[in-house]
Amino acid sequence: VETAAAGPRRARDPAVAASRPASCGPYGFRWPFTVIGTPPQWHTIPAMSSPEVQRRLRQQGADVESLYEISSRIEGQLAQLAQETNARFDAVDTQFDGVNSRLEAQQQRSDARFDALESTLARILERLDRD
């Protein structure tokens, strides 16, 4: 049974290449694929040259780096949005505090006026009761 570790490097050796089945090709790998109830079947992995592997690795590395860059940009934008949202909530909270304090002041003035009117009406009722 051949392994992936014995694959491309050992395949260049003519003795090793001659010992492989023709279905593998000079740089291919095989692995068993078994369906329950059937004998194992061998499938060939397409061979890739070393420059092609290196190119793919470099491309995948570049893709990973670009994904990290995109995610860091998104994190930065989210942090900025969170700061802006917090600032807006603080501004709205300050406005509500101002409105609340004005309403409380208005309520105190109204209570004072109603108290004054109540005492005035009480005096008027006393005068009417005397007369």
C-alpha atoms as a PDB file:
ATOM      1  CA  VAL A   1       0.000   0.000   0.000  1.00  0.00           C
ATOM      2  CA  GLU A   2       1.413   3.366  -1.006  1.00  0.00           C
ATOM      3  CA  THR A   3       1.082   6.449   1.156  1.00  0.00           C
ATOM      4  CA  ALA A   4       0.943  10.140   0.350  1.00  0.00           C
ATOM      5  CA  ALA A   5       4.362  10.610   1.955  1.00  0.00           C
ATOM      6  CA  ALA A   6       5.927   8.229  -0.561  1.00  0.00           C
ATOM      7  CA  GLY A   7       4.199  10.002  -3.462  1.00  0.00           C
ATOM      8  CA  PRO A   8       5.830  12.626  -5.696  1.00  0.00           C
ATOM      9  CA  ARG A   9       9.382  12.539  -4.351  1.00  0.00           C
ATOM     10  CA  ARG A  10       9.851   8.812  -4.654  1.00  0.00           C
ATOM     11  CA  ALA A  11       7.984   8.626  -7.965  1.00  0.00           C
ATOM     12  CA  ARG A  12      10.875  10.300  -9.769  1.00  0.00           C
ATOM     13  CA  ASP A  13      13.025   7.294  -8.976  1.00  0.00           C
ATOM     14  CA  PRO A  14      12.598   4.977 -12.025  1.00  0.00           C
ATOM     15  CA  ALA A  15      12.571   1.855  -9.848  1.00  0.00           C
ATOM     16  CA  VAL A  16       9.784   3.230  -7.697  1.00  0.00           C
ATOM     17  CA  ALA A  17       7.864   4.545 -10.699  1.00  0.00           C
ATOM     18  CA  ALA A  18       8.078   1.150 -12.386  1.00  0.00           C
ATOM     19  CA  SER A  19       6.650  -0.534  -9.285  1.00  0.00           C
ATOM     20  CA  ARG A  20       3.532   1.627  -9.325  1.00  0.00           C
ATOM     21  CA  PRO A  21       0.399   0.732 -11.225  1.00  0.00           C
ATOM     22  CA  ALA A  22      -0.035   2.693 -14.461  1.00  0.00           C
ATOM     23  CA  SER A  23      -3.273   4.195 -13.144  1.00  0.00           C
ATOM     24  CA  CYS A  24      -1.315   6.351 -10.680  1.00  0.00           C
ATOM     25  CA  GLY A  25       0.838   8.134 -13.229  1.00  0.00           C
ATOM     26  CA  PRO A  26       4.378   9.238 -12.387  1.00  0.00           C
ATOM     27  CA  TYR A  27       3.308  11.736  -9.667  1.00  0.00           C
ATOM     28  CA  GLY A  28      -0.173  10.562  -8.712  1.00  0.00           C
ATOM     29  CA  PHE A  29      -1.478   9.139  -5.480  1.00  0.00           C
ATOM     30  CA  ARG A  30      -4.046   6.462  -4.912  1.00  0.00           C
ATOM     31  CA  TRP A  31      -6.293   5.827  -1.994  1.00  0.00           C
ATOM     32  CA  PRO A  32      -8.800   3.063  -1.305  1.00  0.00           C
ATOM     33  CA  PHE A  33     -12.446   3.900  -1.692  1.00  0.00           C
ATOM     34  CA  THR A  34     -14.693   1.250  -0.252  1.00  0.00           C
ATOM     35  CA  VAL A  35     -18.432   1.035  -0.596  1.00  0.00           C
ATOM     36  CA  ILE A  36     -19.952  -1.292   1.963  1.00  0.00           C
ATOM     37  CA  GLY A  37     -20.318  -4.739   0.454  1.00  0.00           C
ATOM     38  CA  THR A  38     -17.933  -4.150  -2.460  1.00  0.00           C
ATOM     39  CA  PRO A  39     -14.195  -4.710  -2.781  1.00  0.00           C
ATOM     40  CA  PRO A  40     -11.939  -1.625  -2.440  1.00  0.00           C
ATOM     41  CA  GLN A  41     -11.472   0.463  -5.565  1.00  0.00           C
ATOM     42  CA  TRP A  42      -8.491   2.712  -6.225  1.00  0.00           C
ATOM     43  CA  HIS A  43      -8.902   6.280  -7.431  1.00  0.00           C
ATOM     44  CA  THR A  44      -6.171   8.555  -8.710  1.00  0.00           C
ATOM     45  CA  ILE A  45      -5.480  12.020  -7.300  1.00  0.00           C
ATOM     46  CA  PRO A  46      -4.355  14.315 -10.126  1.00  0.00           C
ATOM     47  CA  ALA A  47      -0.641  14.946 -10.023  1.00  0.00           C
ATOM     48  CA  MET A  48       0.639  18.513  -9.535  1.00  0.00           C
ATOM     49  CA  SER A  49       4.112  19.757 -10.176  1.00  0.00           C
ATOM     50  CA  SER A  50       6.040  21.370  -7.380  1.00  0.00           C
ATOM     51  CA  PRO A  51       5.797  24.892  -8.920  1.00  0.00           C
ATOM     52  CA  GLU A  52       2.040  24.448  -9.199  1.00  0.00           C
ATOM     53  CA  VAL A  53       1.820  23.423  -5.527  1.00  0.00           C
ATOM     54  CA  GLN A  54       3.966  26.391  -4.524  1.00  0.00           C
ATOM     55  CA  ARG A  55       1.813  28.740  -6.613  1.00  0.00           C
ATOM     56  CA  ARG A  56      -1.350  27.400  -5.013  1.00  0.00           C
ATOM     57  CA  LEU A  57       0.153  27.710  -1.528  1.00  0.00           C
ATOM     58  CA  ARG A  58       1.189  31.309  -2.220  1.00  0.00           C
ATOM     59  CA  GLN A  59      -2.287  32.079  -3.582  1.00  0.00           C
ATOM     60  CA  GLN A  60      -3.968  30.506  -0.572  1.00  0.00           C
ATOM     61  CA  GLY A  61      -1.652  32.454   1.737  1.00  0.00           C
ATOM     62  CA  ALA A  62      -2.537  35.666  -0.079  1.00  0.00           C
ATOM     63  CA  ASP A  63      -6.225  34.789   0.159  1.00  0.00           C
ATOM     64  CA  VAL A  64      -5.924  34.197   3.901  1.00  0.00           C
ATOM     65  CA  GLU A  65      -4.073  37.501   4.357  1.00  0.00           C
ATOM     66  CA  SER A  66      -6.729  39.371   2.387  1.00  0.00           C
ATOM     67  CA  LEU A  67      -9.448  37.756   4.516  1.00  0.00           C
ATOM     68  CA  TYR A  68      -7.642  38.865   7.682  1.00  0.00           C
ATOM     69  CA  GLU A  69      -7.355  42.365   6.251  1.00  0.00           C
ATOM     70  CA  ILE A  70     -11.052  42.438   5.397  1.00  0.00           C
ATOM     71  CA  SER A  71     -12.000  41.158   8.844  1.00  0.00           C
ATOM     72  CA  SER A  72      -9.791  43.756  10.547  1.00  0.00           C
ATOM     73  CA  ARG A  73     -11.409  46.503   8.451  1.00  0.00           C
ATOM     74  CA  ILE A  74     -14.842  45.225   9.423  1.00  0.00           C
ATOM     75  CA  GLU A  75     -13.819  45.124  13.094  1.00  0.00           C
ATOM     76  CA  GLY A  76     -12.590  48.709  12.813  1.00  0.00           C
ATOM     77  CA  GLN A  77     -15.822  49.827  11.194  1.00  0.00           C
ATOM     78  CA  LEU A  78     -17.858  48.039  13.855  1.00  0.00           C
ATOM     79  CA  ALA A  79     -15.824  49.702  16.601  1.00  0.00           C
ATOM     80  CA  GLN A  80     -16.349  53.095  14.958  1.00  0.00           C
ATOM     81  CA  LEU A  81     -20.100  52.462  14.627  1.00  0.00           C
ATOM     82  CA  ALA A  82     -20.253  51.409  18.280  1.00  0.00           C
ATOM     83  CA  GLN A  83     -18.521  54.635  19.329  1.00  0.00           C
ATOM     84  CA  GLU A  84     -20.841  56.746  17.170  1.00  0.00           C
ATOM     85  CA  THR A  85     -23.891  54.920  18.507  1.00  0.00           C
ATOM     86  CA  ASN A  86     -22.731  55.396  22.100  1.00  0.00           C
ATOM     87  CA  ALA A  87     -22.140  59.095  21.449  1.00  0.00           C
ATOM     88  CA  ARG A  88     -25.635  59.441  19.967  1.00  0.00           C
ATOM     89  CA  PHE A  89     -27.198  57.613  22.915  1.00  0.00           C
ATOM     90  CA  ASP A  90     -25.315  59.896  25.293  1.00  0.00           C
ATOM     91  CA  ALA A  91     -26.572  62.982  23.411  1.00  0.00           C
ATOM     92  CA  VAL A  92     -30.162  61.719  23.435  1.00  0.00           C
ATOM     93  CA  ASP A  93     -29.865  60.800  27.108  1.00  0.00           C
ATOM     94  CA  THR A  94     -28.640  64.328  27.874  1.00  0.00           C
ATOM     95  CA  GLN A  95     -31.581  65.796  25.937  1.00  0.00           C
ATOM     96  CA  PHE A  96     -34.043  63.589  27.803  1.00  0.00           C
ATOM     97  CA  ASP A  97     -32.482  64.611  31.102  1.00  0.00           C
ATOM     98  CA  GLY A  98     -32.971  68.259  30.138  1.00  0.00           C
ATOM     99  CA  VAL A  99     -36.590  67.686  29.124  1.00  0.00           C
ATOM    100  CA  ASN A 100     -37.221  65.705  32.306  1.00  0.00           C
ATOM    101  CA  SER A 101     -35.794  68.450  34.516  1.00  0.00           C
ATOM    102  CA  ARG A 102     -37.934  71.079  32.722  1.00  0.00           C
ATOM    103  CA  LEU A 103     -41.031  68.903  33.170  1.00  0.00           C
ATOM    104  CA  GLU A 104     -40.272  68.439  36.858  1.00  0.00           C
ATOM    105  CA  ALA A 105     -39.851  72.204  37.264  1.00  0.00           C
ATOM    106  CA  GLN A 106     -43.138  72.788  35.423  1.00  0.00           C
ATOM    107  CA  GLN A 107     -44.870  70.214  37.625  1.00  0.00           C
ATOM    108  CA  GLN A 108     -43.585  71.928  40.765  1.00  0.00           C
ATOM    109  CA  ARG A 109     -44.853  75.315  39.504  1.00  0.00           C
ATOM    110  CA  SER A 110     -48.226  73.768  38.612  1.00  0.00           C
ATOM    111  CA  ASP A 111     -48.472  72.110  42.036  1.00  0.00           C
ATOM    112  CA  ALA A 112     -47.676  75.434  43.684  1.00  0.00           C
ATOM    113  CA  ARG A 113     -50.372  77.182  41.588  1.00  0.00           C
ATOM    114  CA  PHE A 114     -52.968  74.502  42.389  1.00  0.00           C
ATOM    115  CA  ASP A 115     -52.099  74.768  46.080  1.00  0.00           C
ATOM    116  CA  ALA A 116     -52.536  78.560  45.878  1.00  0.00           C
ATOM    117  CA  LEU A 117     -55.866  78.183  44.031  1.00  0.00           C
ATOM    118  CA  GLU A 118     -57.045  75.593  46.555  1.00  0.00           C
ATOM    119  CA  SER A 119     -56.299  77.905  49.463  1.00  0.00           C
ATOM    120  CA  THR A 120     -57.993  80.804  47.627  1.00  0.00           C
ATOM    121  CA  LEU A 121     -61.104  78.698  46.988  1.00  0.00           C
ATOM    122  CA  ALA A 122     -61.121  77.594  50.623  1.00  0.00           C
ATOM    123  CA  ARG A 123     -61.095  81.259  51.741  1.00  0.00           C
ATOM    124  CA  ILE A 124     -63.868  82.111  49.313  1.00  0.00           C
ATOM    125  CA  LEU A 125     -65.981  79.232  50.658  1.00  0.00           C
ATOM    126  CA  GLU A 126     -65.430  80.431  54.215  1.00  0.00           C
ATOM    127  CA  ARG A 127     -66.605  83.934  53.283  1.00  0.00           C
ATOM    128  CA  LEU A 128     -69.640  82.525  51.548  1.00  0.00           C
ATOM    129  CA  ASP A 129     -70.472  80.373  54.554  1.00  0.00           C
ATOM    130  CA  ARG A 130     -70.275  83.461  56.840  1.00  0.00           C
ATOM    131  CA  ASP A 131     -72.569  85.514  54.747  1.00  0.00           C
END
